[in-house]
Amino acid sequence: MLNRLRIPSLAAAVVFATGMVHNHLVKSSPSDGERLPAAPQEVRLWFNERPEIPFTSVTLMQGDSTKIATIKAVATGDSMVVAIPLATALAPGKYLVAWRTASSDGHAIRGVFGFSIAP
């Protein structure tokens, strides 16, 4: 019975040591659920691994999921962070950010978060 208890922890150690833990979003600005007093000029995404810039983009949507634009990410001074410049000011309201990227191993990851603008 003792061997059974050790196998999951050993498997987890092997997965971690071999780098099979995939990239994930660490934080964003605006953050999920944040209420902003003014429109942001960009969206920033922080990852635990370096994202592949050519495969990183954001689809910005209104709160009802109506697509506004898909915007390619640009590199920043920090290789773990990408910026998505917003070309036009957003009106007050609710917004969704659907992001996607790829890790150096080619594994695609994606997610969605929301924020609102309420002056």
N, C-alpha and C. Protein backbone atom coordinates (compact mmCIF):
# COMPACT_ATOMS: atom_id res chain seq x y z
N MET A 1 0.82 -1.19 0.00
CA MET A 1 0.00 0.00 0.00
C MET A 1 0.87 1.26 0.00
N LEU A 2 1.99 1.21 0.66
CA LEU A 2 2.90 2.34 0.68
C LEU A 2 3.38 2.70 -0.72
N ASN A 3 3.62 1.70 -1.58
CA ASN A 3 4.06 1.94 -2.95
C ASN A 3 3.02 2.71 -3.75
N ARG A 4 1.76 2.42 -3.53
CA ARG A 4 0.69 3.13 -4.24
C ARG A 4 0.71 4.62 -3.91
N LEU A 5 1.01 4.95 -2.68
CA LEU A 5 1.03 6.35 -2.29
C LEU A 5 2.21 7.10 -2.90
N ARG A 6 3.27 6.42 -3.19
CA ARG A 6 4.45 7.07 -3.74
C ARG A 6 4.38 7.27 -5.25
N ILE A 7 3.64 6.44 -5.94
CA ILE A 7 3.59 6.51 -7.39
C ILE A 7 3.07 7.86 -7.89
N PRO A 8 1.94 8.38 -7.40
CA PRO A 8 1.49 9.68 -7.91
C PRO A 8 2.51 10.79 -7.69
N SER A 9 3.17 10.82 -6.54
CA SER A 9 4.14 11.89 -6.30
C SER A 9 5.37 11.71 -7.18
N LEU A 10 5.75 10.46 -7.44
CA LEU A 10 6.87 10.19 -8.34
C LEU A 10 6.50 10.60 -9.75
N ALA A 11 5.29 10.28 -10.19
CA ALA A 11 4.85 10.67 -11.53
C ALA A 11 4.82 12.19 -11.67
N ALA A 12 4.34 12.87 -10.64
CA ALA A 12 4.32 14.34 -10.68
C ALA A 12 5.73 14.90 -10.76
N ALA A 13 6.65 14.32 -10.03
CA ALA A 13 8.04 14.78 -10.07
C ALA A 13 8.66 14.58 -11.44
N VAL A 14 8.35 13.46 -12.08
CA VAL A 14 8.88 13.18 -13.42
C VAL A 14 8.30 14.17 -14.43
N VAL A 15 7.00 14.43 -14.36
CA VAL A 15 6.37 15.39 -15.26
C VAL A 15 7.00 16.76 -15.08
N PHE A 16 7.17 17.20 -13.86
CA PHE A 16 7.76 18.51 -13.60
C PHE A 16 9.20 18.57 -14.06
N ALA A 17 9.98 17.56 -13.76
CA ALA A 17 11.40 17.55 -14.10
C ALA A 17 11.65 17.47 -15.60
N THR A 18 10.75 16.85 -16.34
CA THR A 18 10.95 16.72 -17.79
C THR A 18 10.36 17.88 -18.56
N GLY A 19 9.80 18.85 -17.88
CA GLY A 19 9.29 20.03 -18.56
C GLY A 19 7.93 19.83 -19.21
N MET A 20 7.20 18.84 -18.78
CA MET A 20 5.90 18.59 -19.38
C MET A 20 4.80 19.46 -18.79
N VAL A 21 5.15 20.34 -17.91
CA VAL A 21 4.20 21.30 -17.38
C VAL A 21 4.10 22.42 -18.40
N HIS A 22 2.91 22.66 -18.94
CA HIS A 22 2.75 23.62 -20.03
C HIS A 22 2.63 25.05 -19.52
N ASN A 23 2.86 25.95 -20.44
CA ASN A 23 2.75 27.37 -20.18
C ASN A 23 1.33 27.70 -19.71
N HIS A 24 1.22 28.71 -18.86
CA HIS A 24 -0.10 29.20 -18.46
C HIS A 24 -0.02 30.69 -18.13
N LEU A 25 -1.16 31.33 -18.18
CA LEU A 25 -1.25 32.75 -17.88
C LEU A 25 -1.09 32.94 -16.37
N VAL A 26 -0.19 33.84 -15.99
CA VAL A 26 0.06 34.13 -14.58
C VAL A 26 -0.80 35.30 -14.12
N LYS A 27 -0.85 36.35 -14.93
CA LYS A 27 -1.70 37.51 -14.62
C LYS A 27 -1.93 38.31 -15.88
N SER A 28 -2.83 39.27 -15.77
CA SER A 28 -3.14 40.14 -16.89
C SER A 28 -3.42 41.55 -16.38
N SER A 29 -3.30 42.48 -17.30
CA SER A 29 -3.68 43.85 -17.01
C SER A 29 -4.43 44.38 -18.23
N PRO A 30 -5.71 44.70 -18.08
CA PRO A 30 -6.51 44.62 -16.88
C PRO A 30 -6.66 43.17 -16.40
N SER A 31 -6.93 43.03 -15.11
CA SER A 31 -7.10 41.70 -14.54
C SER A 31 -8.55 41.25 -14.70
N ASP A 32 -8.76 39.95 -14.54
CA ASP A 32 -10.09 39.38 -14.68
C ASP A 32 -11.04 40.02 -13.67
N GLY A 33 -12.14 40.56 -14.17
CA GLY A 33 -13.15 41.18 -13.31
C GLY A 33 -12.86 42.61 -12.90
N GLU A 34 -11.72 43.15 -13.33
CA GLU A 34 -11.36 44.51 -12.92
C GLU A 34 -12.32 45.53 -13.51
N ARG A 35 -12.61 46.54 -12.71
CA ARG A 35 -13.45 47.67 -13.13
C ARG A 35 -12.54 48.88 -13.26
N LEU A 36 -12.39 49.38 -14.49
CA LEU A 36 -11.47 50.48 -14.77
C LEU A 36 -12.22 51.81 -14.86
N PRO A 37 -11.60 52.89 -14.38
CA PRO A 37 -12.25 54.20 -14.49
C PRO A 37 -12.10 54.82 -15.88
N ALA A 38 -11.15 54.30 -16.68
CA ALA A 38 -10.92 54.80 -18.03
C ALA A 38 -10.46 53.64 -18.92
N ALA A 39 -10.57 53.83 -20.22
CA ALA A 39 -10.18 52.79 -21.16
C ALA A 39 -8.67 52.53 -21.12
N PRO A 40 -8.26 51.27 -21.13
CA PRO A 40 -6.83 50.98 -21.17
C PRO A 40 -6.28 51.23 -22.57
N GLN A 41 -4.99 51.52 -22.65
CA GLN A 41 -4.34 51.71 -23.96
C GLN A 41 -3.81 50.40 -24.51
N GLU A 42 -3.67 49.41 -23.63
CA GLU A 42 -3.18 48.10 -24.05
C GLU A 42 -3.64 47.05 -23.06
N VAL A 43 -3.54 45.81 -23.48
CA VAL A 43 -3.73 44.65 -22.61
C VAL A 43 -2.36 44.01 -22.48
N ARG A 44 -1.98 43.62 -21.26
CA ARG A 44 -0.71 42.92 -21.03
C ARG A 44 -1.00 41.55 -20.44
N LEU A 45 -0.25 40.56 -20.91
CA LEU A 45 -0.39 39.19 -20.44
C LEU A 45 0.96 38.69 -19.94
N TRP A 46 0.99 38.13 -18.74
CA TRP A 46 2.19 37.56 -18.13
C TRP A 46 2.04 36.04 -18.13
N PHE A 47 3.08 35.32 -18.57
CA PHE A 47 3.07 33.87 -18.62
C PHE A 47 4.18 33.29 -17.75
N ASN A 48 4.05 32.02 -17.39
CA ASN A 48 5.10 31.38 -16.60
C ASN A 48 6.24 30.88 -17.48
N GLU A 49 6.04 30.80 -18.79
CA GLU A 49 7.07 30.46 -19.76
C GLU A 49 7.00 31.49 -20.88
N ARG A 50 8.08 31.61 -21.62
CA ARG A 50 8.12 32.57 -22.73
C ARG A 50 7.10 32.17 -23.80
N PRO A 51 6.14 33.05 -24.12
CA PRO A 51 5.18 32.74 -25.17
C PRO A 51 5.82 32.95 -26.54
N GLU A 52 5.33 32.25 -27.52
CA GLU A 52 5.79 32.42 -28.90
C GLU A 52 5.02 33.60 -29.50
N ILE A 53 5.70 34.72 -29.67
CA ILE A 53 5.06 35.96 -30.12
C ILE A 53 4.28 35.78 -31.44
N PRO A 54 4.82 35.11 -32.46
CA PRO A 54 4.06 34.98 -33.71
C PRO A 54 2.71 34.26 -33.56
N PHE A 55 2.57 33.47 -32.50
CA PHE A 55 1.34 32.71 -32.29
C PHE A 55 0.50 33.28 -31.15
N THR A 56 0.79 34.51 -30.73
CA THR A 56 0.08 35.11 -29.61
C THR A 56 -0.80 36.24 -30.10
N SER A 57 -2.08 36.16 -29.75
CA SER A 57 -3.03 37.20 -30.13
C SER A 57 -4.17 37.26 -29.13
N VAL A 58 -4.95 38.31 -29.27
CA VAL A 58 -6.11 38.53 -28.42
C VAL A 58 -7.29 38.87 -29.33
N THR A 59 -8.43 38.28 -29.04
CA THR A 59 -9.66 38.71 -29.68
C THR A 59 -10.43 39.49 -28.63
N LEU A 60 -10.63 40.76 -28.90
CA LEU A 60 -11.35 41.64 -27.99
C LEU A 60 -12.82 41.63 -28.39
N MET A 61 -13.69 41.41 -27.39
CA MET A 61 -15.12 41.34 -27.65
C MET A 61 -15.89 42.22 -26.67
N GLN A 62 -17.07 42.63 -27.09
CA GLN A 62 -17.97 43.31 -26.17
C GLN A 62 -18.50 42.27 -25.19
N GLY A 63 -19.13 42.71 -24.14
CA GLY A 63 -19.63 41.81 -23.10
C GLY A 63 -20.59 40.76 -23.61
N ASP A 64 -21.27 41.01 -24.74
CA ASP A 64 -22.21 40.04 -25.32
C ASP A 64 -21.53 39.11 -26.32
N SER A 65 -20.19 39.12 -26.35
CA SER A 65 -19.35 38.28 -27.23
C SER A 65 -19.29 38.75 -28.67
N THR A 66 -19.77 39.96 -28.96
CA THR A 66 -19.62 40.53 -30.29
C THR A 66 -18.16 40.89 -30.50
N LYS A 67 -17.56 40.36 -31.56
CA LYS A 67 -16.14 40.58 -31.82
C LYS A 67 -15.88 42.03 -32.22
N ILE A 68 -14.86 42.62 -31.58
CA ILE A 68 -14.41 43.97 -31.93
C ILE A 68 -13.21 43.87 -32.85
N ALA A 69 -12.20 43.10 -32.44
CA ALA A 69 -10.98 42.97 -33.25
C ALA A 69 -10.13 41.83 -32.73
N THR A 70 -9.32 41.27 -33.62
CA THR A 70 -8.26 40.34 -33.23
C THR A 70 -6.95 41.07 -33.43
N ILE A 71 -6.15 41.09 -32.38
CA ILE A 71 -4.93 41.91 -32.37
C ILE A 71 -3.73 41.02 -32.04
N LYS A 72 -2.68 41.15 -32.84
CA LYS A 72 -1.44 40.40 -32.59
C LYS A 72 -0.69 41.03 -31.43
N ALA A 73 -0.07 40.18 -30.64
CA ALA A 73 0.73 40.64 -29.51
C ALA A 73 2.08 41.15 -29.99
N VAL A 74 2.67 42.03 -29.20
CA VAL A 74 4.02 42.52 -29.46
C VAL A 74 4.89 42.21 -28.24
N ALA A 75 6.17 42.04 -28.51
CA ALA A 75 7.12 41.75 -27.44
C ALA A 75 7.29 42.97 -26.54
N THR A 76 7.67 42.71 -25.30
CA THR A 76 7.99 43.77 -24.35
C THR A 76 9.43 43.56 -23.89
N GLY A 77 9.89 44.35 -22.97
CA GLY A 77 11.23 44.20 -22.42
C GLY A 77 11.39 42.95 -21.58
N ASP A 78 10.30 42.33 -21.21
CA ASP A 78 10.29 41.10 -20.41
C ASP A 78 9.82 39.96 -21.32
N SER A 79 10.63 38.94 -21.52
CA SER A 79 10.30 37.87 -22.45
C SER A 79 9.09 37.04 -22.01
N MET A 80 8.65 37.19 -20.78
CA MET A 80 7.49 36.46 -20.28
C MET A 80 6.19 37.26 -20.42
N VAL A 81 6.30 38.48 -20.93
CA VAL A 81 5.16 39.38 -21.01
C VAL A 81 4.95 39.84 -22.45
N VAL A 82 3.69 39.87 -22.87
CA VAL A 82 3.35 40.42 -24.18
C VAL A 82 2.38 41.58 -23.98
N ALA A 83 2.39 42.49 -24.94
CA ALA A 83 1.47 43.62 -24.92
C ALA A 83 0.59 43.54 -26.15
N ILE A 84 -0.65 43.94 -25.98
CA ILE A 84 -1.60 44.01 -27.08
C ILE A 84 -2.11 45.44 -27.14
N PRO A 85 -1.56 46.23 -28.06
CA PRO A 85 -1.97 47.64 -28.14
C PRO A 85 -3.40 47.77 -28.66
N LEU A 86 -4.16 48.65 -28.02
CA LEU A 86 -5.54 48.92 -28.45
C LEU A 86 -5.54 50.20 -29.27
N ALA A 87 -5.87 50.09 -30.53
CA ALA A 87 -5.77 51.21 -31.47
C ALA A 87 -6.76 52.33 -31.19
N THR A 88 -7.94 51.98 -30.69
CA THR A 88 -8.95 53.00 -30.41
C THR A 88 -9.41 52.89 -28.96
N ALA A 89 -9.86 54.00 -28.43
CA ALA A 89 -10.34 54.01 -27.05
C ALA A 89 -11.65 53.23 -26.96
N LEU A 90 -11.78 52.46 -25.92
CA LEU A 90 -12.99 51.68 -25.69
C LEU A 90 -14.01 52.51 -24.93
N ALA A 91 -15.26 52.37 -25.30
CA ALA A 91 -16.35 53.07 -24.63
C ALA A 91 -16.64 52.38 -23.30
N PRO A 92 -17.29 53.06 -22.37
CA PRO A 92 -17.69 52.39 -21.14
C PRO A 92 -18.52 51.15 -21.44
N GLY A 93 -18.32 50.12 -20.65
CA GLY A 93 -19.06 48.88 -20.85
C GLY A 93 -18.24 47.68 -20.42
N LYS A 94 -18.77 46.49 -20.72
CA LYS A 94 -18.10 45.24 -20.36
C LYS A 94 -17.40 44.68 -21.59
N TYR A 95 -16.22 44.07 -21.35
CA TYR A 95 -15.41 43.52 -22.42
C TYR A 95 -14.88 42.14 -22.05
N LEU A 96 -14.68 41.32 -23.07
CA LEU A 96 -14.07 40.01 -22.92
C LEU A 96 -12.77 39.99 -23.72
N VAL A 97 -11.76 39.34 -23.16
CA VAL A 97 -10.47 39.18 -23.83
C VAL A 97 -10.24 37.68 -23.98
N ALA A 98 -10.27 37.21 -25.23
CA ALA A 98 -9.97 35.80 -25.52
C ALA A 98 -8.54 35.77 -26.05
N TRP A 99 -7.63 35.20 -25.27
CA TRP A 99 -6.22 35.19 -25.66
C TRP A 99 -5.80 33.77 -26.06
N ARG A 100 -4.75 33.73 -26.89
CA ARG A 100 -4.17 32.44 -27.26
C ARG A 100 -2.69 32.63 -27.52
N THR A 101 -1.93 31.58 -27.27
CA THR A 101 -0.50 31.60 -27.51
C THR A 101 -0.02 30.16 -27.67
N ALA A 102 1.26 30.01 -27.88
CA ALA A 102 1.88 28.68 -27.93
C ALA A 102 3.17 28.74 -27.11
N SER A 103 3.47 27.62 -26.49
CA SER A 103 4.73 27.49 -25.75
C SER A 103 5.83 27.09 -26.72
N SER A 104 7.04 27.09 -26.24
CA SER A 104 8.18 26.70 -27.08
C SER A 104 8.06 25.25 -27.56
N ASP A 105 7.27 24.42 -26.83
CA ASP A 105 7.08 23.04 -27.27
C ASP A 105 5.95 22.92 -28.30
N GLY A 106 5.35 24.06 -28.69
CA GLY A 106 4.30 24.07 -29.69
C GLY A 106 2.91 23.85 -29.14
N HIS A 107 2.80 23.61 -27.83
CA HIS A 107 1.50 23.36 -27.21
C HIS A 107 0.69 24.65 -27.19
N ALA A 108 -0.49 24.64 -27.80
CA ALA A 108 -1.36 25.82 -27.83
C ALA A 108 -2.13 25.93 -26.53
N ILE A 109 -2.22 27.15 -26.02
CA ILE A 109 -3.02 27.41 -24.83
C ILE A 109 -3.89 28.62 -25.10
N ARG A 110 -4.99 28.69 -24.40
CA ARG A 110 -5.92 29.81 -24.58
C ARG A 110 -6.75 30.01 -23.33
N GLY A 111 -7.38 31.16 -23.27
CA GLY A 111 -8.23 31.46 -22.13
C GLY A 111 -9.04 32.72 -22.40
N VAL A 112 -9.92 33.03 -21.49
CA VAL A 112 -10.79 34.20 -21.61
C VAL A 112 -10.91 34.85 -20.24
N PHE A 113 -10.90 36.17 -20.22
CA PHE A 113 -11.20 36.90 -19.00
C PHE A 113 -11.95 38.17 -19.39
N GLY A 114 -12.55 38.80 -18.40
CA GLY A 114 -13.33 39.99 -18.68
C GLY A 114 -12.97 41.15 -17.78
N PHE A 115 -13.29 42.35 -18.24
CA PHE A 115 -13.12 43.56 -17.45
C PHE A 115 -14.19 44.53 -17.87
N SER A 116 -14.34 45.60 -17.11
CA SER A 116 -15.34 46.62 -17.49
C SER A 116 -14.73 48.01 -17.33
N ILE A 117 -15.33 48.93 -18.07
CA ILE A 117 -14.93 50.33 -17.99
C ILE A 117 -16.15 51.09 -17.49
N ALA A 118 -15.99 51.75 -16.35
CA ALA A 118 -17.08 52.50 -15.74
C ALA A 118 -16.52 53.78 -15.15
N PRO A 119 -16.54 54.87 -15.95
CA PRO A 119 -15.97 56.14 -15.45
C PRO A 119 -16.69 56.65 -14.21
